[in-house]
């Protein structure tokens, strides 16, 4: 998986390495081999692949790369999670609207937003990455993911909550040649993406979970949980 080299002057989160794989069905569960890993910063800057949806590059936002890294239980038990993620596949939102909502929640920290494989005019879709300042166990990360989803949905964005599952694949930049259902070209005659968009800030630190809007969101989730348990 070709990626951009890391600048050593970037913050510590850029060196967090996560397991990467190729598509929905790429698994090491039978071979017993560890997964390839890549630094998170490289993935945020990688050139879009050209594969059909479902066969593009993906990662799990944890530093656990063993042969069972794509198993939810293995990641819940062993994973140390280093990135919040989001997936917006409906609503045809513009990039600036998604960016403004994300930044209002996370503050002045690192982030990346890029278009999904089938994104095109009239049906824009987005992926969101927000690195953490330090690796976190599953339960803490899950609450932070839920806080992000709750906030974004309160702003009118429908979020794919499957990304709060421990080993859920997070698909990386990928632009197929053609949209399969409509036949719309997604790459030009020169094979370059026609509609791919990306913005990021890789110079800032990762997000801390004990401060700002995300800390308030996590506290609310935990309060509701205690009330439910009562």
C-alpha atoms as a PDB file:
ATOM      1  CA  UNK A   1       0.000   0.000   0.000  1.00  0.00           C
ATOM      2  CA  UNK A   2       1.836   3.086  -1.239  1.00  0.00           C
ATOM      3  CA  UNK A   3       1.744   6.027   1.147  1.00  0.00           C
ATOM      4  CA  UNK A   4       3.451   9.365   1.635  1.00  0.00           C
ATOM      5  CA  UNK A   5       6.534   9.450   3.900  1.00  0.00           C
ATOM      6  CA  UNK A   6       6.100  10.996   7.339  1.00  0.00           C
ATOM      7  CA  UNK A   7       7.630  14.328   8.288  1.00  0.00           C
ATOM      8  CA  UNK A   8       9.446  13.837  11.625  1.00  0.00           C
ATOM      9  CA  UNK A   9       8.452  17.358  12.686  1.00  0.00           C
ATOM     10  CA  UNK A  10       4.771  16.401  12.879  1.00  0.00           C
ATOM     11  CA  UNK A  11       3.088  15.593  16.221  1.00  0.00           C
ATOM     12  CA  UNK A  12       3.424  12.229  17.936  1.00  0.00           C
ATOM     13  CA  UNK A  13       0.060  10.877  16.695  1.00  0.00           C
ATOM     14  CA  UNK A  14       1.414  10.797  13.150  1.00  0.00           C
ATOM     15  CA  UNK A  15       3.567   7.820  14.096  1.00  0.00           C
ATOM     16  CA  UNK A  16       0.720   5.677  15.433  1.00  0.00           C
ATOM     17  CA  UNK A  17       0.678   2.590  13.202  1.00  0.00           C
ATOM     18  CA  UNK A  18      -2.618   0.911  12.333  1.00  0.00           C
ATOM     19  CA  UNK A  19      -3.426  -2.335  10.495  1.00  0.00           C
ATOM     20  CA  UNK A  20      -4.291  -1.861   6.823  1.00  0.00           C
ATOM     21  CA  UNK A  21      -5.832  -4.266   4.327  1.00  0.00           C
ATOM     22  CA  UNK A  22      -7.367  -4.402   0.867  1.00  0.00           C
ATOM     23  CA  UNK A  23     -11.125  -4.613   0.769  1.00  0.00           C
ATOM     24  CA  UNK A  24     -13.867  -6.387   2.675  1.00  0.00           C
ATOM     25  CA  UNK A  25     -12.562  -9.898   2.178  1.00  0.00           C
ATOM     26  CA  UNK A  26      -8.827  -9.465   2.812  1.00  0.00           C
ATOM     27  CA  UNK A  27      -8.198 -11.443   6.001  1.00  0.00           C
ATOM     28  CA  UNK A  28      -5.315 -13.190   7.766  1.00  0.00           C
ATOM     29  CA  UNK A  29      -7.484 -15.260  10.073  1.00  0.00           C
ATOM     30  CA  UNK A  30      -6.450 -18.515   8.338  1.00  0.00           C
ATOM     31  CA  UNK A  31      -2.804 -17.684   7.634  1.00  0.00           C
ATOM     32  CA  UNK A  32      -1.972 -16.441  11.137  1.00  0.00           C
ATOM     33  CA  UNK A  33       0.156 -13.599   9.744  1.00  0.00           C
ATOM     34  CA  UNK A  34       0.143 -10.122  11.225  1.00  0.00           C
ATOM     35  CA  UNK A  35      -1.415  -7.369   9.134  1.00  0.00           C
ATOM     36  CA  UNK A  36       0.670  -4.769   7.383  1.00  0.00           C
ATOM     37  CA  UNK A  37       0.697  -1.511   9.337  1.00  0.00           C
ATOM     38  CA  UNK A  38       1.039   2.082   8.207  1.00  0.00           C
ATOM     39  CA  UNK A  39       1.453   5.338  10.149  1.00  0.00           C
ATOM     40  CA  UNK A  40      -1.833   7.164  10.528  1.00  0.00           C
ATOM     41  CA  UNK A  41      -0.418  10.362   9.003  1.00  0.00           C
ATOM     42  CA  UNK A  42       0.494   8.548   5.788  1.00  0.00           C
ATOM     43  CA  UNK A  43      -3.062   7.315   5.390  1.00  0.00           C
ATOM     44  CA  UNK A  44      -4.444  10.837   5.776  1.00  0.00           C
ATOM     45  CA  UNK A  45      -2.360  11.994   2.799  1.00  0.00           C
ATOM     46  CA  UNK A  46      -2.450   8.943   0.523  1.00  0.00           C
ATOM     47  CA  UNK A  47      -3.305   9.175  -3.157  1.00  0.00           C
ATOM     48  CA  UNK A  48      -6.750   7.712  -3.942  1.00  0.00           C
ATOM     49  CA  UNK A  49      -6.736   4.155  -5.197  1.00  0.00           C
ATOM     50  CA  UNK A  50      -8.795   3.105  -8.225  1.00  0.00           C
ATOM     51  CA  UNK A  51     -10.766   0.013  -7.172  1.00  0.00           C
ATOM     52  CA  UNK A  52     -14.423  -0.896  -7.131  1.00  0.00           C
ATOM     53  CA  UNK A  53     -16.130  -0.053  -3.858  1.00  0.00           C
ATOM     54  CA  UNK A  54     -15.497  -2.803  -1.333  1.00  0.00           C
ATOM     55  CA  UNK A  55     -12.078  -3.634  -2.760  1.00  0.00           C
ATOM     56  CA  UNK A  56     -10.352  -0.390  -1.830  1.00  0.00           C
ATOM     57  CA  UNK A  57      -7.818   0.148   0.970  1.00  0.00           C
ATOM     58  CA  UNK A  58      -9.083   0.195   4.542  1.00  0.00           C
ATOM     59  CA  UNK A  59      -7.814   0.214   8.120  1.00  0.00           C
ATOM     60  CA  UNK A  60      -8.885  -0.423  11.696  1.00  0.00           C
ATOM     61  CA  UNK A  61      -8.190   2.621  13.954  1.00  0.00           C
ATOM     62  CA  UNK A  62      -6.287   0.563  16.531  1.00  0.00           C
ATOM     63  CA  UNK A  63      -2.624  -0.302  16.977  1.00  0.00           C
ATOM     64  CA  UNK A  64      -3.384  -4.041  17.341  1.00  0.00           C
ATOM     65  CA  UNK A  65      -2.233  -5.725  14.058  1.00  0.00           C
ATOM     66  CA  UNK A  66      -2.276  -9.455  14.889  1.00  0.00           C
ATOM     67  CA  UNK A  67      -3.809 -12.083  12.582  1.00  0.00           C
ATOM     68  CA  UNK A  68      -7.231 -11.612  14.243  1.00  0.00           C
ATOM     69  CA  UNK A  69      -7.175  -7.795  14.048  1.00  0.00           C
ATOM     70  CA  UNK A  70     -10.355  -7.806  11.951  1.00  0.00           C
ATOM     71  CA  UNK A  71     -12.285  -9.640  14.668  1.00  0.00           C
ATOM     72  CA  UNK A  72     -14.405  -7.397  16.910  1.00  0.00           C
ATOM     73  CA  UNK A  73     -13.706  -9.367  20.084  1.00  0.00           C
ATOM     74  CA  UNK A  74      -9.960  -9.370  19.476  1.00  0.00           C
ATOM     75  CA  UNK A  75      -9.944  -5.594  19.084  1.00  0.00           C
ATOM     76  CA  UNK A  76     -12.214  -5.047  22.090  1.00  0.00           C
ATOM     77  CA  UNK A  77      -9.881  -7.148  24.218  1.00  0.00           C
ATOM     78  CA  UNK A  78      -6.502  -6.086  22.821  1.00  0.00           C
ATOM     79  CA  UNK A  79      -6.907  -2.924  20.793  1.00  0.00           C
ATOM     80  CA  UNK A  80      -5.546   0.482  21.678  1.00  0.00           C
ATOM     81  CA  UNK A  81      -7.505   2.942  19.552  1.00  0.00           C
ATOM     82  CA  UNK A  82      -5.873   6.022  18.045  1.00  0.00           C
ATOM     83  CA  UNK A  83      -8.451   7.698  15.795  1.00  0.00           C
ATOM     84  CA  UNK A  84     -12.100   8.730  15.748  1.00  0.00           C
ATOM     85  CA  UNK A  85     -13.821   8.115  12.427  1.00  0.00           C
ATOM     86  CA  UNK A  86     -17.034   9.125  10.704  1.00  0.00           C
ATOM     87  CA  UNK A  87     -18.964   8.137   7.598  1.00  0.00           C
ATOM     88  CA  UNK A  88     -21.635  10.354   5.994  1.00  0.00           C
ATOM     89  CA  UNK A  89     -23.299   8.555   3.077  1.00  0.00           C
ATOM     90  CA  UNK A  90     -26.463  10.615   2.642  1.00  0.00           C
ATOM     91  CA  UNK A  91     -27.686  14.191   2.602  1.00  0.00           C
ATOM     92  CA  UNK A  92     -25.478  15.531  -0.216  1.00  0.00           C
ATOM     93  CA  UNK A  93     -23.656  17.852   2.206  1.00  0.00           C
ATOM     94  CA  UNK A  94     -20.935  20.177   0.985  1.00  0.00           C
ATOM     95  CA  UNK A  95     -17.421  19.767   2.355  1.00  0.00           C
ATOM     96  CA  UNK A  96     -17.412  23.143   4.073  1.00  0.00           C
ATOM     97  CA  UNK A  97     -20.593  22.269   6.001  1.00  0.00           C
ATOM     98  CA  UNK A  98     -19.107  18.974   7.210  1.00  0.00           C
ATOM     99  CA  UNK A  99     -15.805  20.642   8.078  1.00  0.00           C
ATOM    100  CA  UNK A 100     -17.437  23.467  10.029  1.00  0.00           C
ATOM    101  CA  UNK A 101     -19.522  21.029  12.086  1.00  0.00           C
ATOM    102  CA  UNK A 102     -16.545  18.770  12.829  1.00  0.00           C
ATOM    103  CA  UNK A 103     -14.287  21.658  13.852  1.00  0.00           C
ATOM    104  CA  UNK A 104     -16.979  23.149  16.106  1.00  0.00           C
ATOM    105  CA  UNK A 105     -16.909  19.865  18.015  1.00  0.00           C
ATOM    106  CA  UNK A 106     -13.203  18.943  18.051  1.00  0.00           C
ATOM    107  CA  UNK A 107     -11.573  22.373  18.265  1.00  0.00           C
ATOM    108  CA  UNK A 108      -8.025  23.119  17.124  1.00  0.00           C
ATOM    109  CA  UNK A 109      -6.730  19.577  16.648  1.00  0.00           C
ATOM    110  CA  UNK A 110      -5.714  17.359  13.743  1.00  0.00           C
ATOM    111  CA  UNK A 111      -8.375  16.139  11.320  1.00  0.00           C
ATOM    112  CA  UNK A 112      -8.980  14.872   7.803  1.00  0.00           C
ATOM    113  CA  UNK A 113     -12.134  14.815   5.661  1.00  0.00           C
ATOM    114  CA  UNK A 114     -12.217  13.163   2.234  1.00  0.00           C
ATOM    115  CA  UNK A 115     -14.868  12.072  -0.224  1.00  0.00           C
ATOM    116  CA  UNK A 116     -16.098   8.475  -0.387  1.00  0.00           C
ATOM    117  CA  UNK A 117     -15.650   6.252  -3.482  1.00  0.00           C
ATOM    118  CA  UNK A 118     -19.039   6.978  -5.089  1.00  0.00           C
ATOM    119  CA  UNK A 119     -19.202  10.675  -4.158  1.00  0.00           C
ATOM    120  CA  UNK A 120     -20.222  12.864  -7.079  1.00  0.00           C
ATOM    121  CA  UNK A 121     -22.266  16.030  -7.751  1.00  0.00           C
ATOM    122  CA  UNK A 122     -25.759  15.595  -6.344  1.00  0.00           C
ATOM    123  CA  UNK A 123     -24.681  12.756  -4.033  1.00  0.00           C
ATOM    124  CA  UNK A 124     -21.678  13.887  -2.011  1.00  0.00           C
ATOM    125  CA  UNK A 125     -20.387  11.485   0.650  1.00  0.00           C
ATOM    126  CA  UNK A 126     -17.651  11.850   3.238  1.00  0.00           C
ATOM    127  CA  UNK A 127     -15.187  10.126   5.554  1.00  0.00           C
ATOM    128  CA  UNK A 128     -13.908  11.821   8.724  1.00  0.00           C
ATOM    129  CA  UNK A 129     -10.696  11.042  10.644  1.00  0.00           C
ATOM    130  CA  UNK A 130      -9.738  12.687  13.961  1.00  0.00           C
ATOM    131  CA  UNK A 131      -6.529  11.326  15.538  1.00  0.00           C
ATOM    132  CA  UNK A 132      -6.334  10.956  19.318  1.00  0.00           C
ATOM    133  CA  UNK A 133      -3.473  12.441  21.321  1.00  0.00           C
ATOM    134  CA  UNK A 134      -2.862   9.067  22.980  1.00  0.00           C
ATOM    135  CA  UNK A 135      -4.037   5.468  22.425  1.00  0.00           C
ATOM    136  CA  UNK A 136      -7.204   4.530  24.319  1.00  0.00           C
ATOM    137  CA  UNK A 137      -8.873   1.227  25.285  1.00  0.00           C
ATOM    138  CA  UNK A 138     -12.031   0.213  23.474  1.00  0.00           C
ATOM    139  CA  UNK A 139     -14.562   1.410  26.074  1.00  0.00           C
ATOM    140  CA  UNK A 140     -13.122   4.947  26.197  1.00  0.00           C
ATOM    141  CA  UNK A 141     -12.804   5.139  22.410  1.00  0.00           C
ATOM    142  CA  UNK A 142     -16.353   3.826  21.942  1.00  0.00           C
ATOM    143  CA  UNK A 143     -17.770   6.576  24.165  1.00  0.00           C
ATOM    144  CA  UNK A 144     -15.787   9.184  22.228  1.00  0.00           C
ATOM    145  CA  UNK A 145     -17.042   7.787  18.908  1.00  0.00           C
ATOM    146  CA  UNK A 146     -20.621   7.910  20.188  1.00  0.00           C
ATOM    147  CA  UNK A 147     -20.163  11.491  21.362  1.00  0.00           C
ATOM    148  CA  UNK A 148     -18.982  12.488  17.879  1.00  0.00           C
ATOM    149  CA  UNK A 149     -21.942  10.742  16.244  1.00  0.00           C
ATOM    150  CA  UNK A 150     -24.427  12.320  18.666  1.00  0.00           C
ATOM    151  CA  UNK A 151     -23.073  15.795  18.000  1.00  0.00           C
ATOM    152  CA  UNK A 152     -23.002  15.444  14.220  1.00  0.00           C
ATOM    153  CA  UNK A 153     -26.535  14.039  14.120  1.00  0.00           C
ATOM    154  CA  UNK A 154     -27.732  16.967  16.251  1.00  0.00           C
ATOM    155  CA  UNK A 155     -26.334  19.201  13.484  1.00  0.00           C
ATOM    156  CA  UNK A 156     -28.311  17.356  10.790  1.00  0.00           C
ATOM    157  CA  UNK A 157     -25.778  14.793   9.530  1.00  0.00           C
ATOM    158  CA  UNK A 158     -26.730  11.110   9.417  1.00  0.00           C
ATOM    159  CA  UNK A 159     -23.775   9.080  10.690  1.00  0.00           C
ATOM    160  CA  UNK A 160     -22.997   5.415  10.104  1.00  0.00           C
ATOM    161  CA  UNK A 161     -22.790   4.168  13.696  1.00  0.00           C
ATOM    162  CA  UNK A 162     -21.290   0.861  12.582  1.00  0.00           C
ATOM    163  CA  UNK A 163     -17.941   2.655  12.829  1.00  0.00           C
ATOM    164  CA  UNK A 164     -18.202   2.401  16.624  1.00  0.00           C
ATOM    165  CA  UNK A 165     -17.706  -1.374  16.302  1.00  0.00           C
ATOM    166  CA  UNK A 166     -14.209  -2.414  17.343  1.00  0.00           C
ATOM    167  CA  UNK A 167     -12.943  -3.881  14.068  1.00  0.00           C
ATOM    168  CA  UNK A 168     -15.191  -2.110  11.570  1.00  0.00           C
ATOM    169  CA  UNK A 169     -13.240  -1.319   8.369  1.00  0.00           C
ATOM    170  CA  UNK A 170     -12.650   2.367   7.692  1.00  0.00           C
ATOM    171  CA  UNK A 171     -12.214   2.785   3.958  1.00  0.00           C
ATOM    172  CA  UNK A 172      -9.440   5.059   2.754  1.00  0.00           C
ATOM    173  CA  UNK A 173      -9.320   7.331  -0.332  1.00  0.00           C
ATOM    174  CA  UNK A 174     -10.504   5.390  -3.362  1.00  0.00           C
ATOM    175  CA  UNK A 175     -12.139   6.507  -6.621  1.00  0.00           C
ATOM    176  CA  UNK A 176     -13.410   3.775  -8.975  1.00  0.00           C
ATOM    177  CA  UNK A 177     -13.431   4.499 -12.711  1.00  0.00           C
ATOM    178  CA  UNK A 178     -17.251   4.449 -12.906  1.00  0.00           C
ATOM    179  CA  UNK A 179     -20.237   4.610 -10.568  1.00  0.00           C
ATOM    180  CA  UNK A 180     -21.722   1.115 -11.069  1.00  0.00           C
ATOM    181  CA  UNK A 181     -25.454   1.891 -10.785  1.00  0.00           C
ATOM    182  CA  UNK A 182     -25.648   5.086 -12.830  1.00  0.00           C
ATOM    183  CA  UNK A 183     -22.687   4.589 -15.167  1.00  0.00           C
ATOM    184  CA  UNK A 184     -21.411   8.058 -14.227  1.00  0.00           C
ATOM    185  CA  UNK A 185     -17.685   8.421 -14.899  1.00  0.00           C
ATOM    186  CA  UNK A 186     -15.746   9.118 -11.696  1.00  0.00           C
ATOM    187  CA  UNK A 187     -12.376   9.435 -13.461  1.00  0.00           C
ATOM    188  CA  UNK A 188     -11.561  11.345 -16.614  1.00  0.00           C
ATOM    189  CA  UNK A 189      -9.866  10.203 -19.826  1.00  0.00           C
ATOM    190  CA  UNK A 190      -6.539  10.865 -18.093  1.00  0.00           C
ATOM    191  CA  UNK A 191      -7.657   8.466 -15.303  1.00  0.00           C
ATOM    192  CA  UNK A 192      -7.558  11.259 -12.736  1.00  0.00           C
ATOM    193  CA  UNK A 193     -10.434  11.583 -10.200  1.00  0.00           C
ATOM    194  CA  UNK A 194     -13.111  14.005 -11.309  1.00  0.00           C
ATOM    195  CA  UNK A 195     -14.812  14.701  -7.984  1.00  0.00           C
ATOM    196  CA  UNK A 196     -12.435  13.628  -5.210  1.00  0.00           C
ATOM    197  CA  UNK A 197     -12.127  16.218  -2.426  1.00  0.00           C
ATOM    198  CA  UNK A 198      -9.991  16.280   0.693  1.00  0.00           C
ATOM    199  CA  UNK A 199      -9.055  18.777   3.388  1.00  0.00           C
ATOM    200  CA  UNK A 200      -6.941  18.114   6.441  1.00  0.00           C
ATOM    201  CA  UNK A 201      -4.840  19.587   9.220  1.00  0.00           C
ATOM    202  CA  UNK A 202      -1.913  17.331  10.057  1.00  0.00           C
ATOM    203  CA  UNK A 203       0.157  19.973  11.848  1.00  0.00           C
ATOM    204  CA  UNK A 204      -1.968  20.051  15.021  1.00  0.00           C
ATOM    205  CA  UNK A 205      -1.935  17.689  17.985  1.00  0.00           C
ATOM    206  CA  UNK A 206      -4.377  14.819  18.369  1.00  0.00           C
ATOM    207  CA  UNK A 207      -7.610  15.396  20.248  1.00  0.00           C
ATOM    208  CA  UNK A 208      -7.666  15.049  24.043  1.00  0.00           C
ATOM    209  CA  UNK A 209     -10.765  13.363  25.424  1.00  0.00           C
ATOM    210  CA  UNK A 210     -10.816  15.155  28.768  1.00  0.00           C
ATOM    211  CA  UNK A 211     -11.438  18.682  27.481  1.00  0.00           C
ATOM    212  CA  UNK A 212     -13.816  20.662  25.295  1.00  0.00           C
ATOM    213  CA  UNK A 213     -17.036  19.568  23.609  1.00  0.00           C
ATOM    214  CA  UNK A 214     -15.971  15.960  23.304  1.00  0.00           C
ATOM    215  CA  UNK A 215     -15.410  15.712  27.070  1.00  0.00           C
ATOM    216  CA  UNK A 216     -18.923  17.094  27.621  1.00  0.00           C
ATOM    217  CA  UNK A 217     -20.343  14.575  25.161  1.00  0.00           C
ATOM    218  CA  UNK A 218     -18.562  11.655  26.825  1.00  0.00           C
ATOM    219  CA  UNK A 219     -19.737  12.798  30.261  1.00  0.00           C
ATOM    220  CA  UNK A 220     -23.344  12.938  29.041  1.00  0.00           C
ATOM    221  CA  UNK A 221     -23.127   9.424  27.601  1.00  0.00           C
ATOM    222  CA  UNK A 222     -21.720   8.070  30.858  1.00  0.00           C
ATOM    223  CA  UNK A 223     -24.369   9.858  32.907  1.00  0.00           C
ATOM    224  CA  UNK A 224     -27.116   8.332  30.768  1.00  0.00           C
ATOM    225  CA  UNK A 225     -25.514   4.919  31.183  1.00  0.00           C
ATOM    226  CA  UNK A 226     -25.521   5.259  34.974  1.00  0.00           C
ATOM    227  CA  UNK A 227     -29.153   6.315  34.928  1.00  0.00           C
ATOM    228  CA  UNK A 228     -30.047   3.333  32.755  1.00  0.00           C
ATOM    229  CA  UNK A 229     -28.232   0.992  35.125  1.00  0.00           C
ATOM    230  CA  UNK A 230     -30.167   2.421  38.057  1.00  0.00           C
END
